[in-house]
Full PDB file with SEQRES, HELIX, SHEET, SSBOND, CRYST1, ORIGX, SCALE, CONECT and MASTER records, all heavy atoms in Angstrom:
SEQRES   1 A   41  GLU LEU ASP LYS GLU LEU GLU THR ARG GLY LEU ASN PHE          
SEQRES   2 A   41  VAL ARG TYR ALA ASP ASP CYS VAL ILE THR VAL ARG SER          
SEQRES   3 A   41  SER ALA ALA ALA ASN ARG VAL MET HIS THR ILE THR ARG          
SEQRES   4 A   41  TRP ILE                                                      
HELIX    1 AA1 LEU A    2  THR A    8  1                                   7    
HELIX    2 AA2 SER A   27  TRP A   40  1                                  14    
SHEET    1 AA1 2 ASN A  12  TYR A  16  0                                        
SHEET    2 AA1 2 ASP A  19  THR A  23 -1                                        
CRYST1    1.000    1.000    1.000  90.00  90.00  90.00 P 1           1          
ORIGX1      1.000000  0.000000  0.000000        0.00000                         
ORIGX2      0.000000  1.000000  0.000000        0.00000                         
ORIGX3      0.000000  0.000000  1.000000        0.00000                         
SCALE1      1.000000  0.000000  0.000000        0.00000                         
SCALE2      0.000000  1.000000  0.000000        0.00000                         
SCALE3      0.000000  0.000000  1.000000        0.00000                         
ATOM      1  N   GLU A   1      -9.475  -7.877   1.136  1.00  0.00           N  
ATOM      2  CA  GLU A   1     -10.025  -6.522   1.185  1.00  0.00           C  
ATOM      3  C   GLU A   1      -8.922  -5.479   1.066  1.00  0.00           C  
ATOM      4  O   GLU A   1      -9.096  -4.447   0.416  1.00  0.00           O  
ATOM      5  CB  GLU A   1     -10.813  -6.318   2.492  1.00  0.00           C  
ATOM      6  CG  GLU A   1     -12.023  -7.224   2.636  1.00  0.00           C  
ATOM      7  CD  GLU A   1     -13.035  -6.997   1.522  1.00  0.00           C  
ATOM      8  OE1 GLU A   1     -13.619  -5.885   1.463  1.00  0.00           O  
ATOM      9  OE2 GLU A   1     -13.227  -7.930   0.709  1.00  0.00           O  
ATOM     10  N   LEU A   2      -7.792  -5.749   1.701  1.00  0.00           N  
ATOM     11  CA  LEU A   2      -6.641  -4.857   1.571  1.00  0.00           C  
ATOM     12  C   LEU A   2      -6.123  -4.864   0.135  1.00  0.00           C  
ATOM     13  O   LEU A   2      -5.807  -3.810  -0.430  1.00  0.00           O  
ATOM     14  CB  LEU A   2      -5.538  -5.272   2.542  1.00  0.00           C  
ATOM     15  CG  LEU A   2      -4.184  -4.557   2.413  1.00  0.00           C  
ATOM     16  CD1 LEU A   2      -4.343  -3.050   2.645  1.00  0.00           C  
ATOM     17  CD2 LEU A   2      -3.173  -5.143   3.396  1.00  0.00           C  
ATOM     18  N   ASP A   3      -6.030  -6.049  -0.454  1.00  0.00           N  
ATOM     19  CA  ASP A   3      -5.575  -6.158  -1.844  1.00  0.00           C  
ATOM     20  C   ASP A   3      -6.432  -5.312  -2.779  1.00  0.00           C  
ATOM     21  O   ASP A   3      -5.920  -4.577  -3.638  1.00  0.00           O  
ATOM     22  CB  ASP A   3      -5.618  -7.621  -2.306  1.00  0.00           C  
ATOM     23  CG  ASP A   3      -4.690  -8.518  -1.500  1.00  0.00           C  
ATOM     24  OD1 ASP A   3      -3.792  -7.995  -0.822  1.00  0.00           O  
ATOM     25  OD2 ASP A   3      -4.877  -9.757  -1.555  1.00  0.00           O  
ATOM     26  N   LYS A   4      -7.741  -5.420  -2.616  1.00  0.00           N  
ATOM     27  CA  LYS A   4      -8.658  -4.678  -3.490  1.00  0.00           C  
ATOM     28  C   LYS A   4      -8.511  -3.178  -3.303  1.00  0.00           C  
ATOM     29  O   LYS A   4      -8.589  -2.410  -4.271  1.00  0.00           O  
ATOM     30  CB  LYS A   4     -10.105  -5.122  -3.234  1.00  0.00           C  
ATOM     31  CG  LYS A   4     -10.404  -6.538  -3.692  1.00  0.00           C  
ATOM     32  CD  LYS A   4     -11.872  -6.864  -3.711  1.00  0.00           C  
ATOM     33  CE  LYS A   4     -12.465  -6.833  -2.313  1.00  0.00           C  
ATOM     34  NZ  LYS A   4     -13.892  -7.287  -2.295  1.00  0.00           N  
ATOM     35  N   GLU A   5      -8.265  -2.743  -2.061  1.00  0.00           N  
ATOM     36  CA  GLU A   5      -8.073  -1.326  -1.795  1.00  0.00           C  
ATOM     37  C   GLU A   5      -6.797  -0.820  -2.464  1.00  0.00           C  
ATOM     38  O   GLU A   5      -6.774   0.256  -3.068  1.00  0.00           O  
ATOM     39  CB  GLU A   5      -8.016  -1.073  -0.292  1.00  0.00           C  
ATOM     40  CG  GLU A   5      -7.740   0.389   0.106  1.00  0.00           C  
ATOM     41  CD  GLU A   5      -8.851   1.341  -0.286  1.00  0.00           C  
ATOM     42  OE1 GLU A   5      -9.981   0.880  -0.560  1.00  0.00           O  
ATOM     43  OE2 GLU A   5      -8.579   2.571  -0.327  1.00  0.00           O  
ATOM     44  N   LEU A   6      -5.721  -1.594  -2.369  1.00  0.00           N  
ATOM     45  CA  LEU A   6      -4.463  -1.201  -2.996  1.00  0.00           C  
ATOM     46  C   LEU A   6      -4.587  -1.169  -4.517  1.00  0.00           C  
ATOM     47  O   LEU A   6      -4.031  -0.287  -5.182  1.00  0.00           O  
ATOM     48  CB  LEU A   6      -3.351  -2.162  -2.576  1.00  0.00           C  
ATOM     49  CG  LEU A   6      -2.997  -2.171  -1.076  1.00  0.00           C  
ATOM     50  CD1 LEU A   6      -1.963  -3.255  -0.773  1.00  0.00           C  
ATOM     51  CD2 LEU A   6      -2.496  -0.805  -0.618  1.00  0.00           C  
ATOM     52  N   GLU A   7      -5.330  -2.126  -5.082  1.00  0.00           N  
ATOM     53  CA  GLU A   7      -5.556  -2.130  -6.531  1.00  0.00           C  
ATOM     54  C   GLU A   7      -6.380  -0.929  -6.965  1.00  0.00           C  
ATOM     55  O   GLU A   7      -6.100  -0.302  -8.003  1.00  0.00           O  
ATOM     56  CB  GLU A   7      -6.244  -3.431  -6.940  1.00  0.00           C  
ATOM     57  CG  GLU A   7      -5.331  -4.655  -6.864  1.00  0.00           C  
ATOM     58  CD  GLU A   7      -6.073  -5.954  -7.138  1.00  0.00           C  
ATOM     59  OE1 GLU A   7      -7.330  -5.944  -7.125  1.00  0.00           O  
ATOM     60  OE2 GLU A   7      -5.410  -6.982  -7.352  1.00  0.00           O  
ATOM     61  N   THR A   8      -7.383  -0.571  -6.166  1.00  0.00           N  
ATOM     62  CA  THR A   8      -8.215   0.598  -6.479  1.00  0.00           C  
ATOM     63  C   THR A   8      -7.378   1.869  -6.516  1.00  0.00           C  
ATOM     64  O   THR A   8      -7.603   2.759  -7.336  1.00  0.00           O  
ATOM     65  CB  THR A   8      -9.350   0.734  -5.439  1.00  0.00           C  
ATOM     66  OG1 THR A   8     -10.176  -0.431  -5.476  1.00  0.00           O  
ATOM     67  CG2 THR A   8     -10.207   1.961  -5.736  1.00  0.00           C  
ATOM     68  N   ARG A   9      -6.391   1.937  -5.633  1.00  0.00           N  
ATOM     69  CA  ARG A   9      -5.513   3.115  -5.574  1.00  0.00           C  
ATOM     70  C   ARG A   9      -4.420   3.072  -6.645  1.00  0.00           C  
ATOM     71  O   ARG A   9      -3.635   4.015  -6.763  1.00  0.00           O  
ATOM     72  CB  ARG A   9      -4.873   3.226  -4.200  1.00  0.00           C  
ATOM     73  CG  ARG A   9      -5.860   3.428  -3.055  1.00  0.00           C  
ATOM     74  CD  ARG A   9      -5.133   3.721  -1.760  1.00  0.00           C  
ATOM     75  NE  ARG A   9      -6.034   3.817  -0.619  1.00  0.00           N  
ATOM     76  CZ  ARG A   9      -5.707   4.353   0.548  1.00  0.00           C  
ATOM     77  NH1 ARG A   9      -4.480   4.861   0.725  1.00  0.00           N  
ATOM     78  NH2 ARG A   9      -6.575   4.394   1.544  1.00  0.00           N  
ATOM     79  N   GLY A  10      -4.351   1.983  -7.393  1.00  0.00           N  
ATOM     80  CA  GLY A  10      -3.346   1.869  -8.449  1.00  0.00           C  
ATOM     81  C   GLY A  10      -1.937   1.665  -7.952  1.00  0.00           C  
ATOM     82  O   GLY A  10      -0.968   2.031  -8.631  1.00  0.00           O  
ATOM     83  N   LEU A  11      -1.786   1.052  -6.779  1.00  0.00           N  
ATOM     84  CA  LEU A  11      -0.470   0.862  -6.176  1.00  0.00           C  
ATOM     85  C   LEU A  11       0.136  -0.484  -6.561  1.00  0.00           C  
ATOM     86  O   LEU A  11      -0.569  -1.473  -6.752  1.00  0.00           O  
ATOM     87  CB  LEU A  11      -0.579   0.955  -4.648  1.00  0.00           C  
ATOM     88  CG  LEU A  11      -0.959   2.328  -4.097  1.00  0.00           C  
ATOM     89  CD1 LEU A  11      -1.311   2.249  -2.622  1.00  0.00           C  
ATOM     90  CD2 LEU A  11       0.179   3.330  -4.314  1.00  0.00           C  
ATOM     91  N   ASN A  12       1.462  -0.495  -6.662  1.00  0.00           N  
ATOM     92  CA  ASN A  12       2.190  -1.736  -6.884  1.00  0.00           C  
ATOM     93  C   ASN A  12       2.474  -2.405  -5.537  1.00  0.00           C  
ATOM     94  O   ASN A  12       3.039  -1.777  -4.640  1.00  0.00           O  
ATOM     95  CB  ASN A  12       3.517  -1.463  -7.595  1.00  0.00           C  
ATOM     96  CG  ASN A  12       3.317  -0.897  -8.986  1.00  0.00           C  
ATOM     97  OD1 ASN A  12       2.450  -1.335  -9.733  1.00  0.00           O  
ATOM     98  ND2 ASN A  12       4.126   0.089  -9.351  1.00  0.00           N  
ATOM     99  N   PHE A  13       2.116  -3.667  -5.413  1.00  0.00           N  
ATOM    100  CA  PHE A  13       2.316  -4.357  -4.142  1.00  0.00           C  
ATOM    101  C   PHE A  13       2.411  -5.853  -4.375  1.00  0.00           C  
ATOM    102  O   PHE A  13       2.020  -6.384  -5.418  1.00  0.00           O  
ATOM    103  CB  PHE A  13       1.160  -4.070  -3.174  1.00  0.00           C  
ATOM    104  CG  PHE A  13      -0.134  -4.759  -3.531  1.00  0.00           C  
ATOM    105  CD1 PHE A  13      -0.499  -5.961  -2.952  1.00  0.00           C  
ATOM    106  CD2 PHE A  13      -0.985  -4.198  -4.488  1.00  0.00           C  
ATOM    107  CE1 PHE A  13      -1.672  -6.606  -3.304  1.00  0.00           C  
ATOM    108  CE2 PHE A  13      -2.176  -4.836  -4.842  1.00  0.00           C  
ATOM    109  CZ  PHE A  13      -2.529  -6.039  -4.239  1.00  0.00           C  
ATOM    110  N   VAL A  14       2.947  -6.550  -3.391  1.00  0.00           N  
ATOM    111  CA  VAL A  14       2.871  -8.003  -3.315  1.00  0.00           C  
ATOM    112  C   VAL A  14       2.521  -8.360  -1.878  1.00  0.00           C  
ATOM    113  O   VAL A  14       2.920  -7.683  -0.928  1.00  0.00           O  
ATOM    114  CB  VAL A  14       4.184  -8.701  -3.735  1.00  0.00           C  
ATOM    115  CG1 VAL A  14       4.484  -8.470  -5.201  1.00  0.00           C  
ATOM    116  CG2 VAL A  14       5.354  -8.252  -2.878  1.00  0.00           C  
ATOM    117  N   ARG A  15       1.770  -9.438  -1.747  1.00  0.00           N  
ATOM    118  CA  ARG A  15       1.388  -9.904  -0.408  1.00  0.00           C  
ATOM    119  C   ARG A  15       1.552 -11.420  -0.335  1.00  0.00           C  
ATOM    120  O   ARG A  15       1.127 -12.142  -1.231  1.00  0.00           O  
ATOM    121  CB  ARG A  15      -0.061  -9.531  -0.082  1.00  0.00           C  
ATOM    122  CG  ARG A  15      -0.469  -9.979   1.341  1.00  0.00           C  
ATOM    123  CD  ARG A  15      -1.876  -9.529   1.707  1.00  0.00           C  
ATOM    124  NE  ARG A  15      -2.905 -10.139   0.867  1.00  0.00           N  
ATOM    125  CZ  ARG A  15      -3.367 -11.374   1.047  1.00  0.00           C  
ATOM    126  NH1 ARG A  15      -2.899 -12.146   2.003  1.00  0.00           N  
ATOM    127  NH2 ARG A  15      -4.292 -11.858   0.223  1.00  0.00           N  
ATOM    128  N   TYR A  16       2.175 -11.861   0.735  1.00  0.00           N  
ATOM    129  CA  TYR A  16       2.267 -13.275   1.049  1.00  0.00           C  
ATOM    130  C   TYR A  16       1.750 -13.445   2.464  1.00  0.00           C  
ATOM    131  O   TYR A  16       2.400 -13.031   3.428  1.00  0.00           O  
ATOM    132  CB  TYR A  16       3.700 -13.788   0.928  1.00  0.00           C  
ATOM    133  CG  TYR A  16       3.809 -15.294   1.008  1.00  0.00           C  
ATOM    134  CD1 TYR A  16       3.823 -16.064  -0.152  1.00  0.00           C  
ATOM    135  CD2 TYR A  16       3.860 -15.942   2.224  1.00  0.00           C  
ATOM    136  CE1 TYR A  16       3.906 -17.449  -0.095  1.00  0.00           C  
ATOM    137  CE2 TYR A  16       3.919 -17.324   2.296  1.00  0.00           C  
ATOM    138  CZ  TYR A  16       3.948 -18.066   1.135  1.00  0.00           C  
ATOM    139  OH  TYR A  16       4.012 -19.440   1.200  1.00  0.00           O  
ATOM    140  N   ALA A  17       0.541 -14.015   2.605  1.00  0.00           N  
ATOM    141  CA  ALA A  17      -0.138 -14.086   3.900  1.00  0.00           C  
ATOM    142  C   ALA A  17      -0.266 -12.668   4.449  1.00  0.00           C  
ATOM    143  O   ALA A  17      -0.794 -11.791   3.769  1.00  0.00           O  
ATOM    144  CB  ALA A  17       0.586 -15.023   4.850  1.00  0.00           C  
ATOM    145  N   ASP A  18       0.246 -12.410   5.668  1.00  0.00           N  
ATOM    146  CA  ASP A  18       0.139 -11.065   6.233  1.00  0.00           C  
ATOM    147  C   ASP A  18       1.383 -10.220   5.985  1.00  0.00           C  
ATOM    148  O   ASP A  18       1.503  -9.128   6.556  1.00  0.00           O  
ATOM    149  CB  ASP A  18      -0.155 -11.145   7.737  1.00  0.00           C  
ATOM    150  CG  ASP A  18       0.915 -11.896   8.508  1.00  0.00           C  
ATOM    151  OD1 ASP A  18       1.554 -12.807   7.932  1.00  0.00           O  
ATOM    152  OD2 ASP A  18       1.129 -11.598   9.696  1.00  0.00           O  
ATOM    153  N   ASP A  19       2.305 -10.702   5.144  1.00  0.00           N  
ATOM    154  CA  ASP A  19       3.490  -9.926   4.754  1.00  0.00           C  
ATOM    155  C   ASP A  19       3.192  -9.155   3.480  1.00  0.00           C  
ATOM    156  O   ASP A  19       3.192  -9.728   2.389  1.00  0.00           O  
ATOM    157  CB  ASP A  19       4.700 -10.837   4.544  1.00  0.00           C  
ATOM    158  CG  ASP A  19       5.325 -11.298   5.827  1.00  0.00           C  
ATOM    159  OD1 ASP A  19       5.205 -10.565   6.806  1.00  0.00           O  
ATOM    160  OD2 ASP A  19       5.931 -12.378   5.861  1.00  0.00           O  
ATOM    161  N   CYS A  20       2.972  -7.867   3.617  1.00  0.00           N  
ATOM    162  CA  CYS A  20       2.600  -7.036   2.477  1.00  0.00           C  
ATOM    163  C   CYS A  20       3.590  -5.887   2.317  1.00  0.00           C  
ATOM    164  O   CYS A  20       3.905  -5.186   3.292  1.00  0.00           O  
ATOM    165  CB  CYS A  20       1.189  -6.475   2.655  1.00  0.00           C  
ATOM    166  SG  CYS A  20       0.606  -5.438   1.283  1.00  0.00           S  
ATOM    167  N   VAL A  21       4.098  -5.698   1.100  1.00  0.00           N  
ATOM    168  CA  VAL A  21       4.952  -4.552   0.803  1.00  0.00           C  
ATOM    169  C   VAL A  21       4.395  -3.810  -0.412  1.00  0.00           C  
ATOM    170  O   VAL A  21       3.913  -4.422  -1.361  1.00  0.00           O  
ATOM    171  CB  VAL A  21       6.421  -4.956   0.572  1.00  0.00           C  
ATOM    172  CG1 VAL A  21       7.049  -5.494   1.844  1.00  0.00           C  
ATOM    173  CG2 VAL A  21       6.557  -5.973  -0.542  1.00  0.00           C  
ATOM    174  N   ILE A  22       4.483  -2.495  -0.336  1.00  0.00           N  
ATOM    175  CA  ILE A  22       4.006  -1.611  -1.400  1.00  0.00           C  
ATOM    176  C   ILE A  22       5.206  -0.840  -1.933  1.00  0.00           C  
ATOM    177  O   ILE A  22       6.045  -0.379  -1.157  1.00  0.00           O  
ATOM    178  CB  ILE A  22       2.943  -0.630  -0.861  1.00  0.00           C  
ATOM    179  CG1 ILE A  22       1.822  -1.398  -0.153  1.00  0.00           C  
ATOM    180  CG2 ILE A  22       2.373   0.236  -1.979  1.00  0.00           C  
ATOM    181  CD1 ILE A  22       0.959  -0.508   0.732  1.00  0.00           C  
ATOM    182  N   THR A  23       5.301  -0.685  -3.244  1.00  0.00           N  
ATOM    183  CA  THR A  23       6.437   0.032  -3.829  1.00  0.00           C  
ATOM    184  C   THR A  23       5.965   1.263  -4.592  1.00  0.00           C  
ATOM    185  O   THR A  23       4.994   1.207  -5.354  1.00  0.00           O  
ATOM    186  CB  THR A  23       7.239  -0.878  -4.776  1.00  0.00           C  
ATOM    187  OG1 THR A  23       6.426  -1.255  -5.893  1.00  0.00           O  
ATOM    188  CG2 THR A  23       7.710  -2.137  -4.058  1.00  0.00           C  
ATOM    189  N   VAL A  24       6.662   2.380  -4.366  1.00  0.00           N  
ATOM    190  CA  VAL A  24       6.365   3.642  -5.055  1.00  0.00           C  
ATOM    191  C   VAL A  24       7.680   4.275  -5.505  1.00  0.00           C  
ATOM    192  O   VAL A  24       8.761   3.738  -5.244  1.00  0.00           O  
ATOM    193  CB  VAL A  24       5.577   4.607  -4.138  1.00  0.00           C  
ATOM    194  CG1 VAL A  24       4.217   4.034  -3.787  1.00  0.00           C  
ATOM    195  CG2 VAL A  24       6.366   4.903  -2.868  1.00  0.00           C  
ATOM    196  N   ARG A  25       7.569   5.433  -6.169  1.00  0.00           N  
ATOM    197  CA  ARG A  25       8.753   6.045  -6.792  1.00  0.00           C  
ATOM    198  C   ARG A  25       9.462   7.080  -5.932  1.00  0.00           C  
ATOM    199  O   ARG A  25      10.589   7.470  -6.232  1.00  0.00           O  
ATOM    200  CB  ARG A  25       8.362   6.693  -8.118  1.00  0.00           C  
ATOM    201  CG  ARG A  25       8.036   5.699  -9.221  1.00  0.00           C  
ATOM    202  CD  ARG A  25       7.785   6.425 -10.525  1.00  0.00           C  
ATOM    203  NE  ARG A  25       7.460   5.535 -11.632  1.00  0.00           N  
ATOM    204  CZ  ARG A  25       8.347   4.920 -12.403  1.00  0.00           C  
ATOM    205  NH1 ARG A  25       9.642   5.108 -12.169  1.00  0.00           N  
ATOM    206  NH2 ARG A  25       7.958   4.138 -13.393  1.00  0.00           N  
ATOM    207  N   SER A  26       8.841   7.569  -4.865  1.00  0.00           N  
ATOM    208  CA  SER A  26       9.469   8.645  -4.098  1.00  0.00           C  
ATOM    209  C   SER A  26       9.244   8.459  -2.606  1.00  0.00           C  
ATOM    210  O   SER A  26       8.307   7.774  -2.176  1.00  0.00           O  
ATOM    211  CB  SER A  26       8.914  10.009  -4.528  1.00  0.00           C  
ATOM    212  OG  SER A  26       7.565  10.163  -4.091  1.00  0.00           O  
ATOM    213  N   SER A  27      10.096   9.092  -1.832  1.00  0.00           N  
ATOM    214  CA  SER A  27       9.982   9.036  -0.379  1.00  0.00           C  
ATOM    215  C   SER A  27       8.687   9.684   0.101  1.00  0.00           C  
ATOM    216  O   SER A  27       8.028   9.170   1.006  1.00  0.00           O  
ATOM    217  CB  SER A  27      11.190   9.736   0.254  1.00  0.00           C  
ATOM    218  OG  SER A  27      11.066   9.802   1.655  1.00  0.00           O  
ATOM    219  N   ALA A  28       8.334  10.816  -0.516  1.00  0.00           N  
ATOM    220  CA  ALA A  28       7.107  11.512  -0.117  1.00  0.00           C  
ATOM    221  C   ALA A  28       5.882  10.636  -0.352  1.00  0.00           C  
ATOM    222  O   ALA A  28       4.991  10.547   0.501  1.00  0.00           O  
ATOM    223  CB  ALA A  28       6.980  12.825  -0.887  1.00  0.00           C  
ATOM    224  N   ALA A  29       5.837   9.985  -1.511  1.00  0.00           N  
ATOM    225  CA  ALA A  29       4.714   9.103  -1.823  1.00  0.00           C  
ATOM    226  C   ALA A  29       4.663   7.925  -0.854  1.00  0.00           C  
ATOM    227  O   ALA A  29       3.585   7.516  -0.411  1.00  0.00           O  
ATOM    228  CB  ALA A  29       4.819   8.603  -3.256  1.00  0.00           C  
ATOM    229  N   ALA A  30       5.814   7.398  -0.506  1.00  0.00           N  
ATOM    230  CA  ALA A  30       5.869   6.258   0.408  1.00  0.00           C  
ATOM    231  C   ALA A  30       5.326   6.621   1.783  1.00  0.00           C  
ATOM    232  O   ALA A  30       4.541   5.872   2.371  1.00  0.00           O  
ATOM    233  CB  ALA A  30       7.305   5.756   0.515  1.00  0.00           C  
ATOM    234  N   ASN A  31       5.743   7.778   2.312  1.00  0.00           N  
ATOM    235  CA  ASN A  31       5.260   8.193   3.622  1.00  0.00           C  
ATOM    236  C   ASN A  31       3.756   8.476   3.601  1.00  0.00           C  
ATOM    237  O   ASN A  31       3.045   8.154   4.557  1.00  0.00           O  
ATOM    238  CB  ASN A  31       6.033   9.421   4.097  1.00  0.00           C  
ATOM    239  CG  ASN A  31       7.405   9.051   4.664  1.00  0.00           C  
ATOM    240  OD1 ASN A  31       7.524   8.528   5.757  1.00  0.00           O  
ATOM    241  ND2 ASN A  31       8.449   9.330   3.887  1.00  0.00           N  
ATOM    242  N   ARG A  32       3.295   9.075   2.508  1.00  0.00           N  
ATOM    243  CA  ARG A  32       1.859   9.337   2.387  1.00  0.00           C  
ATOM    244  C   ARG A  32       1.060   8.022   2.357  1.00  0.00           C  
ATOM    245  O   ARG A  32       0.054   7.879   3.062  1.00  0.00           O  
ATOM    246  CB  ARG A  32       1.593  10.142   1.118  1.00  0.00           C  
ATOM    247  CG  ARG A  32       0.110  10.513   0.936  1.00  0.00           C  
ATOM    248  CD  ARG A  32      -0.076  11.439  -0.256  1.00  0.00           C  
ATOM    249  NE  ARG A  32       0.297  10.815  -1.537  1.00  0.00           N  
ATOM    250  CZ  ARG A  32       1.388  11.099  -2.224  1.00  0.00           C  
ATOM    251  NH1 ARG A  32       2.226  12.023  -1.791  1.00  0.00           N  
ATOM    252  NH2 ARG A  32       1.647  10.490  -3.376  1.00  0.00           N  
ATOM    253  N   VAL A  33       1.527   7.061   1.563  1.00  0.00           N  
ATOM    254  CA  VAL A  33       0.847   5.773   1.467  1.00  0.00           C  
ATOM    255  C   VAL A  33       0.864   5.043   2.804  1.00  0.00           C  
ATOM    256  O   VAL A  33      -0.139   4.459   3.224  1.00  0.00           O  
ATOM    257  CB  VAL A  33       1.491   4.903   0.371  1.00  0.00           C  
ATOM    258  CG1 VAL A  33       0.998   3.458   0.460  1.00  0.00           C  
ATOM    259  CG2 VAL A  33       1.188   5.475  -1.009  1.00  0.00           C  
ATOM    260  N   MET A  34       1.997   5.081   3.491  1.00  0.00           N  
ATOM    261  CA  MET A  34       2.104   4.388   4.770  1.00  0.00           C  
ATOM    262  C   MET A  34       1.051   4.886   5.751  1.00  0.00           C  
ATOM    263  O   MET A  34       0.370   4.087   6.415  1.00  0.00           O  
ATOM    264  CB  MET A  34       3.506   4.565   5.361  1.00  0.00           C  
ATOM    265  CG  MET A  34       3.704   3.809   6.682  1.00  0.00           C  
ATOM    266  SD  MET A  34       5.380   3.970   7.358  1.00  0.00           S  
ATOM    267  CE  MET A  34       5.402   5.698   7.828  1.00  0.00           C  
ATOM    268  N   HIS A  35       0.885   6.203   5.853  1.00  0.00           N  
ATOM    269  CA  HIS A  35      -0.061   6.764   6.815  1.00  0.00           C  
ATOM    270  C   HIS A  35      -1.510   6.530   6.407  1.00  0.00           C  
ATOM    271  O   HIS A  35      -2.345   6.154   7.253  1.00  0.00           O  
ATOM    272  CB  HIS A  35       0.219   8.251   7.015  1.00  0.00           C  
ATOM    273  CG  HIS A  35       1.523   8.530   7.696  1.00  0.00           C  
ATOM    274  ND1 HIS A  35       1.802   8.101   8.975  1.00  0.00           N  
ATOM    275  CD2 HIS A  35       2.640   9.192   7.275  1.00  0.00           C  
ATOM    276  CE1 HIS A  35       3.017   8.471   9.312  1.00  0.00           C  
ATOM    277  NE2 HIS A  35       3.557   9.128   8.297  1.00  0.00           N  
ATOM    278  N   THR A  36      -1.833   6.684   5.122  1.00  0.00           N  
ATOM    279  CA  THR A  36      -3.221   6.517   4.691  1.00  0.00           C  
ATOM    280  C   THR A  36      -3.658   5.056   4.736  1.00  0.00           C  
ATOM    281  O   THR A  36      -4.785   4.748   5.136  1.00  0.00           O  
ATOM    282  CB  THR A  36      -3.438   7.089   3.287  1.00  0.00           C  
ATOM    283  OG1 THR A  36      -2.563   6.435   2.347  1.00  0.00           O  
ATOM    284  CG2 THR A  36      -3.180   8.596   3.280  1.00  0.00           C  
ATOM    285  N   ILE A  37      -2.768   4.149   4.329  1.00  0.00           N  
ATOM    286  CA  ILE A  37      -3.106   2.728   4.350  1.00  0.00           C  
ATOM    287  C   ILE A  37      -3.202   2.211   5.775  1.00  0.00           C  
ATOM    288  O   ILE A  37      -4.068   1.380   6.097  1.00  0.00           O  
ATOM    289  CB  ILE A  37      -2.085   1.908   3.530  1.00  0.00           C  
ATOM    290  CG1 ILE A  37      -2.284   2.152   2.042  1.00  0.00           C  
ATOM    291  CG2 ILE A  37      -2.219   0.414   3.822  1.00  0.00           C  
ATOM    292  CD1 ILE A  37      -3.636   1.705   1.513  1.00  0.00           C  
ATOM    293  N   THR A  38      -2.334   2.699   6.646  1.00  0.00           N  
ATOM    294  CA  THR A  38      -2.409   2.309   8.057  1.00  0.00           C  
ATOM    295  C   THR A  38      -3.759   2.671   8.644  1.00  0.00           C  
ATOM    296  O   THR A  38      -4.408   1.862   9.325  1.00  0.00           O  
ATOM    297  CB  THR A  38      -1.279   2.970   8.855  1.00  0.00           C  
ATOM    298  OG1 THR A  38      -0.015   2.474   8.391  1.00  0.00           O  
ATOM    299  CG2 THR A  38      -1.420   2.672  10.341  1.00  0.00           C  
ATOM    300  N   ARG A  39      -4.198   3.912   8.393  1.00  0.00           N  
ATOM    301  CA  ARG A  39      -5.503   4.342   8.913  1.00  0.00           C  
ATOM    302  C   ARG A  39      -6.620   3.489   8.313  1.00  0.00           C  
ATOM    303  O   ARG A  39      -7.563   3.108   9.010  1.00  0.00           O  
ATOM    304  CB  ARG A  39      -5.732   5.824   8.598  1.00  0.00           C  
ATOM    305  CG  ARG A  39      -4.889   6.777   9.432  1.00  0.00           C  
ATOM    306  CD  ARG A  39      -5.448   8.195   9.381  1.00  0.00           C  
ATOM    307  NE  ARG A  39      -5.449   8.726   8.023  1.00  0.00           N  
ATOM    308  CZ  ARG A  39      -4.451   9.427   7.493  1.00  0.00           C  
ATOM    309  NH1 ARG A  39      -3.364   9.682   8.231  1.00  0.00           N  
ATOM    310  NH2 ARG A  39      -4.512   9.881   6.249  1.00  0.00           N  
ATOM    311  N   TRP A  40      -6.520   3.168   7.026  1.00  0.00           N  
ATOM    312  CA  TRP A  40      -7.561   2.373   6.371  1.00  0.00           C  
ATOM    313  C   TRP A  40      -7.635   0.970   6.974  1.00  0.00           C  
ATOM    314  O   TRP A  40      -8.729   0.462   7.248  1.00  0.00           O  
ATOM    315  CB  TRP A  40      -7.267   2.283   4.866  1.00  0.00           C  
ATOM    316  CG  TRP A  40      -8.367   1.620   4.095  1.00  0.00           C  
ATOM    317  CD1 TRP A  40      -9.426   2.210   3.486  1.00  0.00           C  
ATOM    318  CD2 TRP A  40      -8.501   0.206   3.858  1.00  0.00           C  
ATOM    319  NE1 TRP A  40     -10.227   1.263   2.879  1.00  0.00           N  
ATOM    320  CE2 TRP A  40      -9.679   0.018   3.104  1.00  0.00           C  
ATOM    321  CE3 TRP A  40      -7.747  -0.908   4.204  1.00  0.00           C  
ATOM    322  CZ2 TRP A  40     -10.123  -1.235   2.695  1.00  0.00           C  
ATOM    323  CZ3 TRP A  40      -8.186  -2.173   3.805  1.00  0.00           C  
ATOM    324  CH2 TRP A  40      -9.356  -2.312   3.059  1.00  0.00           C  
ATOM    325  N   ILE A  41      -6.494   0.327   7.185  1.00  0.00           N  
ATOM    326  CA  ILE A  41      -6.449  -1.020   7.753  1.00  0.00           C  
ATOM    327  C   ILE A  41      -7.104  -1.050   9.129  1.00  0.00           C  
ATOM    328  O   ILE A  41      -7.919  -1.917   9.440  1.00  0.00           O  
ATOM    329  CB  ILE A  41      -5.005  -1.538   7.836  1.00  0.00           C  
ATOM    330  CG1 ILE A  41      -4.454  -1.810   6.431  1.00  0.00           C  
ATOM    331  CG2 ILE A  41      -4.915  -2.807   8.687  1.00  0.00           C  
ATOM    332  CD1 ILE A  41      -2.965  -2.121   6.404  1.00  0.00           C  
TER     333      ILE A  41                                                      
MASTER        0    0    0    2    2    0    0    6  332    1    0    4          
END                                                                             
């Protein structure tokens, strides 16, 4: 379900079991993604 949400948002990520990392181009984008995805999870 998390994978599908990240794909819907067009984010680059890899997940191995519960180890998930998301990659973006800027610090601002990273902080925004961290907070929104945390709330979603």
